[in-house]
Amino acid sequence: MANAALAYAHQNQQRFLSGLKDLLRIPSVSTLPEHKEDVHRAAQFVADDLQRIGLEQHLSPGRRTGLSEMIARVQHYAGQVAQKQ
């Protein structure tokens, strides 16, 4: 199983790096009001990727800053990640 995961990671390395670079280009580490939309855009980027792989996620306004916060939940049964229905 580990060999298959490593092979998959190697085969998709450029796609993974490209996605990571896209995320890192968003100026999202900030409490400055002028970056509020950037923070939300970065949170949405991650939420969309989590949803794409079948994880339940929810974006909501932050309680203290008004910036986006994300809750992601992994559901599993007997050590297996739940399949998206």
Protein backbone atom coordinates (compact mmCIF):
# COMPACT_ATOMS: atom_id res chain seq x y z
CA MET A 1 0.00 0.00 0.00
CA ALA A 2 2.80 2.42 0.86
CA ASN A 3 4.49 1.73 -2.47
CA ALA A 4 1.28 2.53 -4.36
CA ALA A 5 0.88 5.79 -2.42
CA LEU A 6 4.49 6.78 -3.10
CA ALA A 7 4.13 5.93 -6.78
CA TYR A 8 0.94 8.03 -6.99
CA ALA A 9 2.66 10.95 -5.26
CA HIS A 10 5.62 10.72 -7.60
CA GLN A 11 3.45 10.50 -10.72
CA ASN A 12 1.42 13.54 -9.63
CA GLN A 13 4.25 15.59 -8.14
CA GLN A 14 4.01 18.44 -10.67
CA ARG A 15 0.23 18.74 -10.23
CA PHE A 16 0.61 18.80 -6.43
CA LEU A 17 3.38 21.42 -6.61
CA SER A 18 1.37 23.54 -9.02
CA GLY A 19 -1.65 23.50 -6.69
CA LEU A 20 0.50 24.35 -3.68
CA LYS A 21 2.13 27.25 -5.53
CA ASP A 22 -1.33 28.54 -6.55
CA LEU A 23 -2.39 28.51 -2.90
CA LEU A 24 0.82 30.15 -1.67
CA ARG A 25 0.40 33.02 -4.16
CA ILE A 26 -2.71 34.15 -2.28
CA PRO A 27 -1.69 36.71 0.41
CA SER A 28 -3.76 35.00 3.09
CA VAL A 29 -1.72 35.21 6.30
CA SER A 30 -3.00 38.52 7.54
CA THR A 31 -5.33 40.21 9.98
CA LEU A 32 -5.32 43.35 7.86
CA PRO A 33 -8.81 44.26 6.64
CA GLU A 34 -7.57 44.83 3.08
CA HIS A 35 -6.67 41.12 2.85
CA LYS A 36 -10.05 39.83 4.05
CA GLU A 37 -11.06 38.69 0.56
CA ASP A 38 -7.65 37.05 0.01
CA VAL A 39 -8.02 35.09 3.24
CA HIS A 40 -11.48 33.94 2.17
CA ARG A 41 -10.18 33.04 -1.30
CA ALA A 42 -7.41 30.90 0.23
CA ALA A 43 -9.87 29.18 2.57
CA GLN A 44 -12.20 28.49 -0.38
CA PHE A 45 -9.28 27.09 -2.40
CA VAL A 46 -8.52 24.59 0.38
CA ALA A 47 -12.21 23.82 0.95
CA ASP A 48 -12.72 23.06 -2.74
CA ASP A 49 -9.73 20.72 -2.75
CA LEU A 50 -10.99 18.91 0.37
CA GLN A 51 -14.42 18.53 -1.20
CA ARG A 52 -12.84 17.23 -4.41
CA ILE A 53 -11.25 14.34 -2.49
CA GLY A 54 -14.48 13.59 -0.63
CA LEU A 55 -14.01 15.29 2.74
CA GLU A 56 -16.82 17.16 4.39
CA GLN A 57 -15.93 20.81 4.98
CA HIS A 58 -17.62 24.03 6.00
CA LEU A 59 -16.47 27.64 5.70
CA SER A 60 -17.78 30.24 8.09
CA PRO A 61 -16.84 33.77 9.15
CA GLY A 62 -14.25 33.83 11.92
CA ARG A 63 -15.57 34.45 15.40
CA ARG A 64 -12.98 37.06 16.40
CA THR A 65 -11.63 38.53 13.18
CA GLY A 66 -14.45 38.08 10.69
CA LEU A 67 -11.97 36.23 8.47
CA SER A 68 -12.85 32.83 7.07
CA GLU A 69 -12.42 29.81 9.26
CA MET A 70 -12.70 26.30 7.99
CA ILE A 71 -13.89 23.16 9.66
CA ALA A 72 -12.99 19.94 7.91
CA ARG A 73 -14.16 16.59 9.13
CA VAL A 74 -12.79 13.22 8.16
CA GLN A 75 -15.23 10.42 8.68
CA HIS A 76 -13.81 6.95 8.86
CA TYR A 77 -14.87 3.41 9.51
CA ALA A 78 -12.39 0.70 10.44
CA GLY A 79 -9.49 2.89 9.44
CA GLN A 80 -10.83 3.71 5.98
CA VAL A 81 -11.78 7.22 4.90
CA ALA A 82 -15.49 7.36 4.14
CA GLN A 83 -16.33 7.31 0.45
CA LYS A 84 -18.21 10.28 -0.94
CA GLN A 85 -21.82 9.25 -1.60
